[in-house]
Amino acid sequence: MTSDTPYASRSASRLSLSYAEVRSWHRPLMIMVAAMSALVVVASVGLFADGRQLLQESVWAKPLKFGASFVMYGATLAWLIPKLRRARRTMWFVGTVFAVAGLIDVGFIAVQAARGTFSHFNAGTDTFNLIGQRIFSTGVFGLFGASLIVAVMLLFQRVGDAALTWALRAGLGLAVLGMALASFITGWTSLAAPRTVQDAYGSPVTLVGGHGVGAPDGGGMPITNWSTTGGDLRVPHFIGLHSIQVFVLTVLVLTALATRIGRLRHERVRAQLTGVAILGYGALFTITAWQALRGQSLIHPDAATWTALAATAVLTALAALIVTVAHRNEPGRRAETVMPRELALRRKAAHRNGLARGETRAPAGSLDEDSRHSVASAPARSPDLGAR
């Protein structure tokens, strides 16, 4: 790769994957990802082969959702941690803690599903559930703590260009907030009176707490099972947890578009547009959390929620427009810096072709004189000039 290769092409090569690079990812996390992928397959089969239900939802729905979520988040951490150059051994240990905690927690969810009972908020007194609930709650803190440490470490180093670095920092930051909100779910809803429901076999089970605010769990939206009658803190939890994938995807899209749109070839422009996406998405996280805490269903927003969403959409679009317009002359400014560089290269080539060391100007018709003439008379050229 030469020094004249466009920056966007170099960024694309950094974000591309090879088998050798995947092998260098954090191995314990990749083992966890493989186990979660297997769980996704098993739970998908269980959705159709097993008719048992908990609160009008298949017993395998929760393992399926948790497995898929951990595949995405775990693979992101497995790719990211080897790229952190500071405290590498500590980061490897932190990633291992996350992998072990994830396997234990989601494993408990899968076992409880197979038993036909609840994993979350289950106050049952049988020995397995009592021990499992203690381990389960401990694992949650392990997942949160590991993510928080990685997020803090990212504040002191870069991974790739500015756009990717800020995407990872903001993504992990929102993911930590989403996890914190998940812990808040238990604290908020456990204040409500316990309720008795039936497990998959019709036996009574006492639940202390839930995901809903103002309405009990059960009978929610398809797939997600988020409440249709009240607030549901799983909505902002999900939005925050997977923000890192959204932000990295934004960087990938901007990098791909940079091969066709000249303005996006500048790192500063892509970083600023990524920042706009981060602010808009962060506002969405805040609005959905505010909506849930008011006991309002995601699909039944009131006028205040609609106003906040509309204001977020308008301000985000306006900010993106301002960034692109502010940099509309970037290609011309880049051409002005590229042309003197090309002139210097041509002069060096003329010297190599036999220009006398003591001469102060090239003979008439030489490459050096032609290059000066071309710089003086030629119009501004494309920013891709050095890539030909």
Protein backbone atom coordinates (compact mmCIF):
# COMPACT_ATOMS: atom_id res chain seq x y z
CA MET A 1 0.00 0.00 0.00
CA THR A 2 1.53 3.31 -1.06
CA SER A 3 1.43 6.59 0.78
CA ASP A 4 -0.93 8.00 -1.85
CA THR A 5 -3.67 5.48 -1.10
CA PRO A 6 -6.87 7.34 -0.08
CA TYR A 7 -7.56 7.40 3.63
CA ALA A 8 -10.99 5.83 3.14
CA SER A 9 -9.44 2.80 1.46
CA ARG A 10 -6.99 2.38 4.32
CA SER A 11 -9.86 2.60 6.82
CA ALA A 12 -11.80 -0.02 4.88
CA SER A 13 -8.81 -2.36 4.99
CA ARG A 14 -8.62 -1.93 8.78
CA LEU A 15 -12.27 -2.85 9.18
CA SER A 16 -12.11 -5.84 6.84
CA LEU A 17 -11.76 -9.29 8.40
CA SER A 18 -9.62 -12.29 7.58
CA TYR A 19 -9.51 -15.76 9.05
CA ALA A 20 -6.11 -15.07 10.60
CA GLU A 21 -7.44 -11.94 12.31
CA VAL A 22 -10.49 -13.74 13.67
CA ARG A 23 -8.16 -16.35 15.17
CA SER A 24 -6.41 -13.55 17.06
CA TRP A 25 -9.63 -12.48 18.80
CA HIS A 26 -10.06 -13.06 22.52
CA ARG A 27 -10.36 -16.85 22.72
CA PRO A 28 -12.46 -17.27 25.92
CA LEU A 29 -14.99 -14.78 24.55
CA MET A 30 -15.09 -16.64 21.23
CA ILE A 31 -15.74 -19.88 23.12
CA MET A 32 -18.64 -18.12 24.83
CA VAL A 33 -19.88 -16.86 21.43
CA ALA A 34 -19.74 -20.41 20.04
CA ALA A 35 -21.72 -21.74 23.02
CA MET A 36 -24.30 -18.97 22.65
CA SER A 37 -24.61 -19.71 18.94
CA ALA A 38 -25.34 -23.36 19.79
CA LEU A 39 -27.94 -22.21 22.30
CA VAL A 40 -29.60 -20.08 19.62
CA VAL A 41 -29.94 -23.19 17.43
CA VAL A 42 -31.31 -25.33 20.27
CA ALA A 43 -33.75 -22.64 21.43
CA SER A 44 -34.95 -22.04 17.86
CA VAL A 45 -35.80 -25.72 17.54
CA GLY A 46 -37.44 -25.63 20.97
CA LEU A 47 -39.77 -22.81 19.89
CA PHE A 48 -41.45 -25.19 17.45
CA ALA A 49 -40.86 -28.58 19.07
CA ASP A 50 -41.73 -27.68 22.67
CA GLY A 51 -45.21 -26.36 23.37
CA ARG A 52 -44.60 -25.36 27.00
CA GLN A 53 -45.18 -21.70 27.86
CA LEU A 54 -44.44 -19.16 30.58
CA LEU A 55 -46.72 -16.11 30.70
CA GLN A 56 -48.06 -16.85 27.20
CA GLU A 57 -44.54 -17.12 25.74
CA SER A 58 -42.51 -20.19 24.79
CA VAL A 59 -40.13 -21.35 27.52
CA TRP A 60 -37.36 -21.14 24.89
CA ALA A 61 -38.02 -17.52 23.89
CA LYS A 62 -35.85 -16.03 26.63
CA PRO A 63 -32.83 -18.34 26.03
CA LEU A 64 -33.09 -17.52 22.32
CA LYS A 65 -33.06 -13.76 22.90
CA PHE A 66 -30.25 -13.88 25.44
CA GLY A 67 -28.19 -16.21 23.27
CA ALA A 68 -28.51 -13.95 20.22
CA SER A 69 -27.71 -10.86 22.28
CA PHE A 70 -24.57 -12.40 23.77
CA VAL A 71 -23.40 -13.57 20.34
CA MET A 72 -23.41 -9.97 19.07
CA TYR A 73 -22.02 -8.32 22.19
CA GLY A 74 -19.49 -11.05 22.94
CA ALA A 75 -18.12 -11.07 19.38
CA THR A 76 -17.70 -7.29 19.54
CA LEU A 77 -15.69 -7.53 22.77
CA ALA A 78 -13.66 -10.45 21.41
CA TRP A 79 -12.62 -8.31 18.42
CA LEU A 80 -12.04 -5.17 20.50
CA ILE A 81 -10.00 -6.39 23.47
CA PRO A 82 -6.91 -7.55 21.48
CA LYS A 83 -6.77 -4.07 19.92
CA LEU A 84 -6.34 -2.39 23.30
CA ARG A 85 -2.61 -1.79 23.66
CA ARG A 86 -2.53 -0.71 27.29
CA ALA A 87 -2.81 -3.14 30.21
CA ARG A 88 -3.17 -6.04 27.78
CA ARG A 89 -2.99 -8.78 30.42
CA THR A 90 -5.57 -7.01 32.54
CA MET A 91 -7.85 -6.60 29.54
CA TRP A 92 -7.46 -10.27 28.66
CA PHE A 93 -8.46 -11.18 32.23
CA VAL A 94 -11.44 -8.80 32.10
CA GLY A 95 -12.63 -10.39 28.86
CA THR A 96 -12.32 -13.83 30.45
CA VAL A 97 -14.40 -12.69 33.42
CA PHE A 98 -17.11 -11.52 31.04
CA ALA A 99 -17.02 -14.82 29.14
CA VAL A 100 -17.30 -16.94 32.30
CA ALA A 101 -20.06 -14.76 33.77
CA GLY A 102 -21.97 -14.86 30.49
CA LEU A 103 -21.77 -18.65 30.26
CA ILE A 104 -22.96 -19.06 33.85
CA ASP A 105 -25.81 -16.56 33.62
CA VAL A 106 -27.21 -17.58 30.26
CA GLY A 107 -26.59 -21.22 31.15
CA PHE A 108 -28.84 -20.75 34.19
CA ILE A 109 -31.50 -19.16 31.98
CA ALA A 110 -31.36 -22.13 29.60
CA VAL A 111 -31.53 -24.71 32.41
CA GLN A 112 -34.52 -22.97 34.01
CA ALA A 113 -36.24 -22.93 30.61
CA ALA A 114 -35.63 -26.66 30.24
CA ARG A 115 -37.11 -27.13 33.73
CA GLY A 116 -40.17 -25.16 32.62
CA THR A 117 -39.81 -22.40 35.17
CA PHE A 118 -38.65 -18.79 35.49
CA SER A 119 -35.03 -17.62 35.65
CA HIS A 120 -35.71 -13.94 36.48
CA PHE A 121 -37.48 -12.77 39.65
CA ASN A 122 -38.13 -16.36 40.73
CA ALA A 123 -38.59 -16.53 44.51
CA GLY A 124 -39.10 -20.30 44.57
CA THR A 125 -37.70 -22.13 47.59
CA ASP A 126 -36.36 -25.26 45.89
CA THR A 127 -32.62 -25.79 46.40
CA PHE A 128 -31.58 -25.48 42.76
CA ASN A 129 -33.40 -22.18 42.29
CA LEU A 130 -32.07 -20.70 45.55
CA ILE A 131 -28.44 -21.49 44.66
CA GLY A 132 -28.94 -20.52 41.01
CA GLN A 133 -30.43 -17.15 41.88
CA ARG A 134 -27.41 -16.24 44.02
CA ILE A 135 -24.97 -17.21 41.29
CA PHE A 136 -27.13 -15.50 38.69
CA SER A 137 -27.15 -12.18 40.55
CA THR A 138 -23.37 -12.37 41.07
CA GLY A 139 -22.82 -12.98 37.37
CA VAL A 140 -24.78 -9.85 36.47
CA PHE A 141 -22.28 -7.74 38.42
CA GLY A 142 -19.44 -9.54 36.64
CA LEU A 143 -20.87 -8.65 33.25
CA PHE A 144 -21.45 -5.05 34.26
CA GLY A 145 -18.04 -4.62 35.88
CA ALA A 146 -16.13 -6.11 32.93
CA SER A 147 -17.94 -3.87 30.45
CA LEU A 148 -17.31 -0.81 32.63
CA ILE A 149 -13.55 -1.51 32.83
CA VAL A 150 -13.26 -1.92 29.05
CA ALA A 151 -15.25 1.29 28.54
CA VAL A 152 -12.91 3.22 30.88
CA MET A 153 -9.79 1.82 29.19
CA LEU A 154 -11.09 3.00 25.82
CA LEU A 155 -11.05 6.58 27.10
CA PHE A 156 -7.23 6.51 27.18
CA GLN A 157 -6.42 5.00 23.79
CA ARG A 158 -7.54 4.94 20.18
CA VAL A 159 -8.69 2.02 18.07
CA GLY A 160 -8.52 2.89 14.38
CA ASP A 161 -9.47 6.38 13.25
CA ALA A 162 -11.37 8.99 15.25
CA ALA A 163 -14.80 7.88 14.00
CA LEU A 164 -14.27 4.25 15.04
CA THR A 165 -12.73 5.23 18.37
CA TRP A 166 -15.67 7.43 19.32
CA ALA A 167 -18.14 4.80 18.09
CA LEU A 168 -16.59 2.22 20.42
CA ARG A 169 -16.33 4.61 23.37
CA ALA A 170 -19.92 5.82 23.11
CA GLY A 171 -21.23 2.34 22.33
CA LEU A 172 -19.66 0.74 25.38
CA GLY A 173 -20.70 3.72 27.50
CA LEU A 174 -24.35 3.33 26.51
CA ALA A 175 -24.08 -0.46 26.92
CA VAL A 176 -22.94 0.05 30.51
CA LEU A 177 -25.86 2.41 31.10
CA GLY A 178 -28.19 -0.19 29.61
CA MET A 179 -26.82 -2.83 31.98
CA ALA A 180 -27.18 -0.45 34.90
CA LEU A 181 -30.79 0.07 33.88
CA ALA A 182 -31.26 -3.71 33.89
CA SER A 183 -30.13 -3.75 37.52
CA PHE A 184 -32.50 -0.86 38.18
CA ILE A 185 -35.32 -3.00 36.80
CA THR A 186 -35.04 -5.32 39.79
CA GLY A 187 -34.74 -2.48 42.30
CA TRP A 188 -37.69 -0.59 40.82
CA THR A 189 -40.10 -3.46 40.35
CA SER A 190 -39.23 -5.41 43.50
CA LEU A 191 -40.99 -2.68 45.47
CA ALA A 192 -44.27 -3.98 44.10
CA ALA A 193 -46.09 -6.76 45.92
CA PRO A 194 -45.07 -10.33 44.98
CA ARG A 195 -47.42 -12.13 42.63
CA THR A 196 -48.09 -15.79 42.05
CA VAL A 197 -48.09 -17.19 38.51
CA GLN A 198 -47.96 -20.68 37.00
CA ASP A 199 -44.94 -22.40 35.56
CA ALA A 200 -45.03 -24.51 32.39
CA TYR A 201 -46.60 -27.41 34.30
CA GLY A 202 -49.28 -25.37 36.08
CA SER A 203 -47.51 -25.27 39.44
CA PRO A 204 -47.55 -21.95 41.37
CA VAL A 205 -44.40 -19.81 41.34
CA THR A 206 -43.87 -16.59 43.29
CA LEU A 207 -42.28 -13.72 41.35
CA VAL A 208 -40.77 -10.73 43.14
CA GLY A 209 -40.31 -7.91 40.67
CA GLY A 210 -40.61 -7.77 36.90
CA HIS A 211 -39.70 -5.81 33.80
CA GLY A 212 -42.86 -3.74 33.60
CA VAL A 213 -43.71 -0.38 35.14
CA GLY A 214 -47.42 0.06 35.78
CA ALA A 215 -48.35 -3.30 34.27
CA PRO A 216 -47.34 -6.91 35.02
CA ASP A 217 -45.20 -8.95 32.63
CA GLY A 218 -46.86 -11.24 30.12
CA GLY A 219 -48.83 -11.00 26.91
CA GLY A 220 -46.59 -8.39 25.30
CA MET A 221 -45.35 -7.69 21.79
CA PRO A 222 -44.41 -10.54 19.45
CA ILE A 223 -40.77 -11.72 19.70
CA THR A 224 -39.64 -9.10 22.24
CA ASN A 225 -42.60 -9.59 24.64
CA TRP A 226 -42.28 -5.93 25.64
CA SER A 227 -45.38 -4.66 27.38
CA THR A 228 -48.23 -3.25 25.29
CA THR A 229 -50.14 -1.89 28.28
CA GLY A 230 -47.48 -0.20 30.43
CA GLY A 231 -43.86 0.86 30.64
CA ASP A 232 -41.13 -1.70 30.03
CA LEU A 233 -37.51 -1.03 31.07
CA ARG A 234 -36.28 -3.76 28.73
CA VAL A 235 -36.75 -1.31 25.84
CA PRO A 236 -34.01 1.18 26.83
CA HIS A 237 -31.95 -1.72 28.16
CA PHE A 238 -31.94 -3.29 24.69
CA ILE A 239 -31.28 0.02 22.93
CA GLY A 240 -28.33 0.81 25.18
CA LEU A 241 -26.82 -2.68 25.16
CA HIS A 242 -26.60 -2.89 21.38
CA SER A 243 -25.64 0.70 20.66
CA ILE A 244 -22.05 -0.35 20.00
CA GLN A 245 -23.14 -2.46 17.02
CA VAL A 246 -25.21 0.45 15.68
CA PHE A 247 -22.31 2.89 15.96
CA VAL A 248 -19.74 0.55 14.39
CA LEU A 249 -22.18 -0.12 11.56
CA THR A 250 -22.48 3.65 11.08
CA VAL A 251 -18.70 3.90 10.71
CA LEU A 252 -18.68 1.01 8.22
CA VAL A 253 -21.38 2.69 6.12
CA LEU A 254 -19.57 6.04 6.12
CA THR A 255 -16.32 4.33 5.16
CA ALA A 256 -18.00 2.51 2.29
CA LEU A 257 -19.64 5.72 1.06
CA ALA A 258 -16.27 7.48 1.17
CA THR A 259 -15.24 5.66 -2.02
CA ARG A 260 -17.96 7.61 -3.86
CA ILE A 261 -18.43 10.80 -1.82
CA GLY A 262 -15.37 13.01 -1.64
CA ARG A 263 -16.28 14.79 1.59
CA LEU A 264 -16.40 11.51 3.51
CA ARG A 265 -12.76 10.80 2.67
CA HIS A 266 -11.73 13.14 5.45
CA GLU A 267 -11.41 11.60 8.89
CA ARG A 268 -12.77 14.72 10.58
CA VAL A 269 -16.00 14.64 8.53
CA ARG A 270 -16.64 10.97 9.27
CA ALA A 271 -15.87 11.52 12.96
CA GLN A 272 -18.29 14.45 13.19
CA LEU A 273 -21.08 12.56 11.41
CA THR A 274 -20.50 9.61 13.73
CA GLY A 275 -20.78 12.03 16.64
CA VAL A 276 -24.12 13.25 15.30
CA ALA A 277 -25.36 9.64 15.13
CA ILE A 278 -24.17 9.04 18.70
CA LEU A 279 -26.02 12.10 20.02
CA GLY A 280 -29.23 11.18 18.19
CA TYR A 281 -29.12 7.57 19.38
CA GLY A 282 -28.28 8.67 22.93
CA ALA A 283 -31.36 10.89 22.88
CA LEU A 284 -33.45 7.91 21.75
CA PHE A 285 -32.12 5.88 24.69
CA THR A 286 -33.02 8.70 27.09
CA ILE A 287 -36.51 9.15 25.65
CA THR A 288 -37.38 5.43 25.84
CA ALA A 289 -36.10 5.24 29.43
CA TRP A 290 -38.18 8.30 30.34
CA GLN A 291 -41.19 6.80 28.59
CA ALA A 292 -40.86 3.46 30.40
CA LEU A 293 -40.43 5.06 33.82
CA ARG A 294 -43.69 6.94 33.25
CA GLY A 295 -45.47 3.61 32.78
CA GLN A 296 -46.03 4.17 29.07
CA SER A 297 -45.85 1.42 26.46
CA LEU A 298 -43.38 1.83 23.59
CA ILE A 299 -46.17 1.48 21.02
CA HIS A 300 -48.52 3.94 22.73
CA PRO A 301 -46.50 7.18 23.05
CA ASP A 302 -48.25 10.32 24.27
CA ALA A 303 -47.86 13.87 22.91
CA ALA A 304 -44.80 14.58 25.07
CA THR A 305 -43.00 11.48 23.78
CA TRP A 306 -43.89 12.28 20.16
CA THR A 307 -42.60 15.84 20.63
CA ALA A 308 -39.30 14.61 22.07
CA LEU A 309 -38.87 12.08 19.24
CA ALA A 310 -39.66 14.69 16.58
CA ALA A 311 -37.26 17.21 18.10
CA THR A 312 -34.53 14.55 18.20
CA ALA A 313 -35.08 13.63 14.54
CA VAL A 314 -35.05 17.26 13.38
CA LEU A 315 -32.00 18.27 15.41
CA THR A 316 -30.06 15.18 14.33
CA ALA A 317 -30.83 15.78 10.65
CA LEU A 318 -29.96 19.47 11.01
CA ALA A 319 -26.63 18.68 12.68
CA ALA A 320 -25.74 16.19 9.93
CA LEU A 321 -26.59 18.82 7.30
CA ILE A 322 -24.44 21.45 9.03
CA VAL A 323 -21.47 19.07 9.10
CA THR A 324 -21.72 18.21 5.41
CA VAL A 325 -22.25 21.83 4.30
CA ALA A 326 -19.39 23.09 6.47
CA HIS A 327 -17.02 20.75 4.66
CA ARG A 328 -18.30 21.28 1.11
CA ASN A 329 -14.97 22.89 0.07
CA GLU A 330 -12.80 20.14 1.54
CA PRO A 331 -11.99 18.54 -1.87
CA GLY A 332 -10.67 21.85 -3.21
CA ARG A 333 -8.56 22.49 -0.13
CA ARG A 334 -7.20 18.98 -0.32
CA ALA A 335 -6.28 19.47 -4.01
CA GLU A 336 -4.33 22.60 -3.08
CA THR A 337 -2.20 20.56 -0.68
CA VAL A 338 -1.84 17.59 -3.04
CA MET A 339 -0.57 19.60 -6.04
CA PRO A 340 2.54 21.05 -4.34
CA ARG A 341 3.34 17.55 -3.15
CA GLU A 342 3.09 16.23 -6.69
CA LEU A 343 5.31 19.10 -7.88
CA ALA A 344 7.97 18.12 -5.35
CA LEU A 345 7.81 14.52 -6.52
CA ARG A 346 8.26 15.62 -10.13
CA ARG A 347 11.28 17.74 -9.22
CA LYS A 348 12.89 14.79 -7.49
CA ALA A 349 12.22 12.68 -10.59
CA ALA A 350 13.88 15.34 -12.76
CA HIS A 351 16.99 15.28 -10.56
CA ARG A 352 17.13 11.52 -10.79
CA ASN A 353 16.94 11.79 -14.59
CA GLY A 354 20.17 13.77 -14.75
CA LEU A 355 19.45 17.37 -13.73
CA ALA A 356 22.78 19.03 -12.90
CA ARG A 357 23.30 19.45 -9.17
CA GLY A 358 24.36 23.11 -9.44
CA GLU A 359 21.58 24.37 -11.76
CA THR A 360 18.92 26.60 -10.25
CA ARG A 361 16.30 25.97 -12.97
CA ALA A 362 15.64 23.12 -15.31
CA PRO A 363 16.45 23.39 -19.02
CA ALA A 364 13.61 24.54 -21.27
CA GLY A 365 11.07 21.80 -21.83
CA SER A 366 12.22 19.74 -18.89
CA LEU A 367 9.83 17.98 -16.54
CA ASP A 368 10.48 20.51 -13.77
CA GLU A 369 9.52 23.49 -15.92
CA ASP A 370 6.46 21.70 -17.28
CA SER A 371 5.31 20.85 -13.78
CA ARG A 372 5.58 24.49 -12.69
CA HIS A 373 3.63 25.57 -15.73
CA SER A 374 0.93 22.97 -15.07
CA VAL A 375 0.55 24.09 -11.46
CA ALA A 376 0.21 27.72 -12.50
CA SER A 377 -2.36 27.13 -15.23
CA ALA A 378 -4.26 23.95 -14.34
CA PRO A 379 -7.62 24.18 -12.54
CA ALA A 380 -8.18 22.63 -9.11
CA ARG A 381 -8.00 18.85 -9.35
CA SER A 382 -9.77 15.99 -7.69
CA PRO A 383 -8.70 14.90 -4.18
CA ASP A 384 -8.02 11.48 -5.69
CA LEU A 385 -5.06 12.91 -7.64
CA GLY A 386 -2.50 11.08 -5.55
CA ALA A 387 -4.30 7.77 -5.86
CA ARG A 388 -3.88 7.38 -9.64
